[in-house]
């Protein structure tokens, strides 16, 4: 039983479709990041705080609801 095997010195390249998938995802992420950056370009500090509070309230409320629902079975 060998616990530590010598690795091949050859460099393994990932499949072509994986490379294309990664590039496609990166392009979509950059496109979305640019869109969101343009949409929020002129937000004030107060707008960011309100958006953060809404985000925390919405998803925190959903999480709390699911936790309560798990312990108290609503019918």
Foldseek 3Di string as FASTA:
>chain_A
DDPDDDDDPDDDDDDPVVVVVVVVVVVVVVVVVVVVCVVCVPPDPVNVVVVVVVVCVVVVVVVVVVVVCVVPPDD
